[in-house]
Amino acid sequence: MQNISIPDIIANLKGRRGYEEKKAKKLGYDCLEKYFEDKLANEAQLLAENEVKEEELMAEKKALKNAPAGKKTCGCC
């Protein structure tokens, strides 16, 4: 993830600034800076959660791949 400061983000909004300000007000933020701080924090948290989920899925796939294929789980087969 790029480390971009909030004033740089706000400066680069150009025509979308009005839209983002309305959105921030609607969500209950006092100013645009707080809105972007929270937005960036949430994005970082989601990325971390997704990485953990991906690691868990990879571990499950690896465990299934390494399991012996000839064993049956039921006693009738």
Protein backbone atom coordinates (compact mmCIF):
# COMPACT_ATOMS: atom_id res chain seq x y z
CA MET A 1 0.00 0.00 0.00
CA GLN A 2 1.28 3.42 -0.83
CA ASN A 3 1.96 5.82 1.99
CA ILE A 4 0.12 8.93 0.84
CA SER A 5 -0.66 11.69 3.29
CA ILE A 6 -4.22 12.89 3.75
CA PRO A 7 -3.58 16.48 2.58
CA ASP A 8 -2.19 15.06 -0.67
CA ILE A 9 -5.30 12.94 -1.14
CA ILE A 10 -7.57 15.93 -0.55
CA ALA A 11 -5.52 18.09 -2.91
CA ASN A 12 -5.87 15.50 -5.66
CA LEU A 13 -9.67 15.23 -5.38
CA LYS A 14 -10.28 18.16 -7.73
CA GLY A 15 -13.85 17.79 -9.00
CA ARG A 16 -14.76 15.04 -6.55
CA ARG A 17 -14.13 17.16 -3.47
CA GLY A 18 -17.75 18.27 -3.18
CA TYR A 19 -18.95 14.71 -3.50
CA GLU A 20 -16.54 13.46 -0.84
CA GLU A 21 -17.47 16.32 1.52
CA LYS A 22 -21.17 15.48 1.21
CA LYS A 23 -20.42 11.83 1.78
CA ALA A 24 -18.36 12.62 4.88
CA LYS A 25 -21.12 14.83 6.29
CA LYS A 26 -23.70 12.14 5.60
CA LEU A 27 -21.59 9.59 7.49
CA GLY A 28 -21.23 11.96 10.44
CA TYR A 29 -17.68 13.22 10.09
CA ASP A 30 -16.82 16.79 11.09
CA CYS A 31 -14.21 17.32 8.42
CA LEU A 32 -12.81 15.66 5.35
CA GLU A 33 -9.51 14.81 7.07
CA LYS A 34 -11.19 12.64 9.71
CA TYR A 35 -13.21 10.88 7.03
CA PHE A 36 -10.10 9.96 5.06
CA GLU A 37 -8.21 8.90 8.20
CA ASP A 38 -10.98 6.48 9.06
CA LYS A 39 -11.31 5.34 5.46
CA LEU A 40 -7.60 4.52 5.21
CA ALA A 41 -7.64 2.77 8.58
CA ASN A 42 -10.59 0.62 7.50
CA GLU A 43 -8.90 -0.28 4.23
CA ALA A 44 -5.75 -1.34 6.08
CA GLN A 45 -7.80 -3.45 8.48
CA LEU A 46 -9.64 -5.15 5.61
CA LEU A 47 -6.36 -5.93 3.86
CA ALA A 48 -4.98 -7.51 7.03
CA GLU A 49 -8.13 -9.60 7.51
CA ASN A 50 -8.03 -10.77 3.90
CA GLU A 51 -4.39 -11.81 4.24
CA VAL A 52 -5.21 -13.88 7.32
CA LYS A 53 -8.13 -15.55 5.53
CA GLU A 54 -5.96 -16.33 2.51
CA GLU A 55 -3.30 -17.88 4.74
CA GLU A 56 -5.93 -20.05 6.44
CA LEU A 57 -7.32 -21.19 3.08
CA MET A 58 -3.85 -22.02 1.81
CA ALA A 59 -3.15 -24.05 4.96
CA GLU A 60 -6.43 -25.97 4.52
CA LYS A 61 -5.66 -26.66 0.86
CA LYS A 62 -2.18 -27.85 1.76
CA ALA A 63 -3.56 -30.13 4.47
CA LEU A 64 -6.08 -31.63 2.04
CA LYS A 65 -3.41 -32.05 -0.59
CA ASN A 66 -1.12 -33.88 1.83
CA ALA A 67 -3.87 -36.16 3.18
CA PRO A 68 -3.63 -39.78 2.07
CA ALA A 69 -6.02 -40.42 -0.81
CA GLY A 70 -6.64 -44.12 -0.16
CA LYS A 71 -8.24 -43.81 3.28
CA LYS A 72 -12.00 -43.76 3.53
CA THR A 73 -13.82 -42.07 6.36
CA CYS A 74 -16.68 -44.53 6.63
CA GLY A 75 -16.41 -48.16 7.66
CA CYS A 76 -18.50 -49.64 4.88
CA CYS A 77 -16.11 -48.94 2.00
